[in-house]
Amino acid sequence: MKKRPLICVPIVENTKEEILSKARELAVLPLDVVEWRVDFFESIGKLNEVVEICQQVKEILGDKKLLFTFRSIMEGGNPLPQGINHHEV
């Protein structure tokens, strides 16, 4: 049996409302994986918000897989707000 490549689409929105809206949009599309690029989130330093949004996105996506990604600048990610350490998030 041949395995087909999986289709993965990112969420790169900045606000909670935009992230959840994009998740709703992607939930109805024929894709396999949704990647939340949390390094784009404007409140990345608020761990409680990150966890809450992650749970909400997963609920919206249903059976689709959710890939949670936090890329450093060296990996092509966004710079962190001042005072926040990459390893803390």
C-alpha atoms as a PDB file:
ATOM      1  CA  MET A   1       0.000   0.000   0.000  1.00  0.00           C
ATOM      2  CA  LYS A   2       1.392   3.388  -1.019  1.00  0.00           C
ATOM      3  CA  LYS A   3       1.298   6.183   1.507  1.00  0.00           C
ATOM      4  CA  ARG A   4       0.519   9.616   0.183  1.00  0.00           C
ATOM      5  CA  PRO A   5       2.216  12.769   1.441  1.00  0.00           C
ATOM      6  CA  LEU A   6       0.248  14.627   4.095  1.00  0.00           C
ATOM      7  CA  ILE A   7      -1.086  18.106   3.400  1.00  0.00           C
ATOM      8  CA  CYS A   8      -0.123  20.634   6.083  1.00  0.00           C
ATOM      9  CA  VAL A   9      -1.332  24.236   6.199  1.00  0.00           C
ATOM     10  CA  PRO A  10      -0.005  26.823   8.685  1.00  0.00           C
ATOM     11  CA  ILE A  11      -1.803  29.269  10.935  1.00  0.00           C
ATOM     12  CA  VAL A  12       0.346  32.413  11.076  1.00  0.00           C
ATOM     13  CA  GLU A  13      -2.190  34.928  12.356  1.00  0.00           C
ATOM     14  CA  ASN A  14      -1.320  37.319  15.203  1.00  0.00           C
ATOM     15  CA  THR A  15      -4.388  37.613  17.446  1.00  0.00           C
ATOM     16  CA  LYS A  16      -6.528  35.065  19.245  1.00  0.00           C
ATOM     17  CA  GLU A  17      -9.558  35.985  17.142  1.00  0.00           C
ATOM     18  CA  GLU A  18      -7.620  35.674  13.882  1.00  0.00           C
ATOM     19  CA  ILE A  19      -6.103  32.342  14.934  1.00  0.00           C
ATOM     20  CA  LEU A  20      -9.468  30.819  15.853  1.00  0.00           C
ATOM     21  CA  SER A  21     -11.076  32.183  12.684  1.00  0.00           C
ATOM     22  CA  LYS A  22      -8.324  30.629  10.539  1.00  0.00           C
ATOM     23  CA  ALA A  23      -8.739  27.321  12.411  1.00  0.00           C
ATOM     24  CA  ARG A  24     -12.472  27.330  11.572  1.00  0.00           C
ATOM     25  CA  GLU A  25     -11.636  28.046   7.940  1.00  0.00           C
ATOM     26  CA  LEU A  26      -9.106  25.194   7.790  1.00  0.00           C
ATOM     27  CA  ALA A  27     -11.318  22.720   9.675  1.00  0.00           C
ATOM     28  CA  VAL A  28     -13.576  22.262   6.637  1.00  0.00           C
ATOM     29  CA  LEU A  29     -10.786  21.849   4.090  1.00  0.00           C
ATOM     30  CA  PRO A  30      -9.461  18.457   2.902  1.00  0.00           C
ATOM     31  CA  LEU A  31      -6.097  18.622   4.654  1.00  0.00           C
ATOM     32  CA  ASP A  32      -4.320  16.373   7.137  1.00  0.00           C
ATOM     33  CA  VAL A  33      -2.315  18.608   9.456  1.00  0.00           C
ATOM     34  CA  VAL A  34      -2.583  22.192  10.660  1.00  0.00           C
ATOM     35  CA  GLU A  35       0.612  23.837  11.930  1.00  0.00           C
ATOM     36  CA  TRP A  36       0.152  26.637  14.452  1.00  0.00           C
ATOM     37  CA  ARG A  37       3.208  28.859  14.153  1.00  0.00           C
ATOM     38  CA  VAL A  38       2.991  30.268  17.665  1.00  0.00           C
ATOM     39  CA  ASP A  39       5.982  32.550  17.021  1.00  0.00           C
ATOM     40  CA  PHE A  40       3.526  34.777  15.098  1.00  0.00           C
ATOM     41  CA  PHE A  41       1.141  35.114  18.101  1.00  0.00           C
ATOM     42  CA  GLU A  42       1.190  38.629  19.562  1.00  0.00           C
ATOM     43  CA  SER A  43       0.823  37.417  23.180  1.00  0.00           C
ATOM     44  CA  ILE A  44       3.392  34.650  23.009  1.00  0.00           C
ATOM     45  CA  GLY A  45       4.720  35.513  26.471  1.00  0.00           C
ATOM     46  CA  LYS A  46       1.364  34.694  28.104  1.00  0.00           C
ATOM     47  CA  LEU A  47       1.624  30.940  28.525  1.00  0.00           C
ATOM     48  CA  ASN A  48      -1.954  30.570  29.829  1.00  0.00           C
ATOM     49  CA  GLU A  49      -3.293  32.202  26.643  1.00  0.00           C
ATOM     50  CA  VAL A  50      -1.098  30.019  24.456  1.00  0.00           C
ATOM     51  CA  VAL A  51      -2.389  26.855  26.139  1.00  0.00           C
ATOM     52  CA  GLU A  52      -6.009  28.041  25.989  1.00  0.00           C
ATOM     53  CA  ILE A  53      -5.808  28.891  22.284  1.00  0.00           C
ATOM     54  CA  CYS A  54      -4.037  25.622  21.515  1.00  0.00           C
ATOM     55  CA  GLN A  55      -6.871  23.695  23.183  1.00  0.00           C
ATOM     56  CA  GLN A  56      -9.493  25.719  21.315  1.00  0.00           C
ATOM     57  CA  VAL A  57      -7.762  25.215  17.968  1.00  0.00           C
ATOM     58  CA  LYS A  58      -7.534  21.467  18.583  1.00  0.00           C
ATOM     59  CA  GLU A  59     -11.242  21.350  19.431  1.00  0.00           C
ATOM     60  CA  ILE A  60     -12.136  23.296  16.271  1.00  0.00           C
ATOM     61  CA  LEU A  61      -9.999  21.012  14.082  1.00  0.00           C
ATOM     62  CA  GLY A  62     -11.596  17.809  15.361  1.00  0.00           C
ATOM     63  CA  ASP A  63      -9.746  14.795  13.941  1.00  0.00           C
ATOM     64  CA  LYS A  64      -7.129  16.813  12.063  1.00  0.00           C
ATOM     65  CA  LYS A  65      -3.635  16.712  13.516  1.00  0.00           C
ATOM     66  CA  LEU A  66      -2.265  19.879  15.097  1.00  0.00           C
ATOM     67  CA  LEU A  67       1.448  20.635  14.866  1.00  0.00           C
ATOM     68  CA  PHE A  68       2.534  23.256  17.404  1.00  0.00           C
ATOM     69  CA  THR A  69       5.650  25.043  16.151  1.00  0.00           C
ATOM     70  CA  PHE A  70       7.763  27.759  17.708  1.00  0.00           C
ATOM     71  CA  ARG A  71      10.571  28.682  15.337  1.00  0.00           C
ATOM     72  CA  SER A  72      13.555  30.710  16.436  1.00  0.00           C
ATOM     73  CA  ILE A  73      14.896  33.531  14.280  1.00  0.00           C
ATOM     74  CA  MET A  74      17.605  31.162  13.026  1.00  0.00           C
ATOM     75  CA  GLU A  75      14.836  28.802  11.843  1.00  0.00           C
ATOM     76  CA  GLY A  76      12.981  31.584  10.021  1.00  0.00           C
ATOM     77  CA  GLY A  77      10.684  32.492  12.902  1.00  0.00           C
ATOM     78  CA  ASN A  78       9.665  35.837  14.285  1.00  0.00           C
ATOM     79  CA  PRO A  79      11.720  37.632  16.921  1.00  0.00           C
ATOM     80  CA  LEU A  80      10.471  37.305  20.483  1.00  0.00           C
ATOM     81  CA  PRO A  81       9.276  40.342  22.411  1.00  0.00           C
ATOM     82  CA  GLN A  82      11.963  41.795  24.665  1.00  0.00           C
ATOM     83  CA  GLY A  83      12.320  39.982  27.981  1.00  0.00           C
ATOM     84  CA  ILE A  84      10.983  36.625  26.730  1.00  0.00           C
ATOM     85  CA  ASN A  85      13.335  33.684  26.354  1.00  0.00           C
ATOM     86  CA  HIS A  86      12.782  31.081  23.601  1.00  0.00           C
ATOM     87  CA  HIS A  87      13.219  28.256  26.125  1.00  0.00           C
ATOM     88  CA  GLU A  88      10.613  29.719  28.514  1.00  0.00           C
ATOM     89  CA  VAL A  89       7.882  29.345  25.899  1.00  0.00           C
END
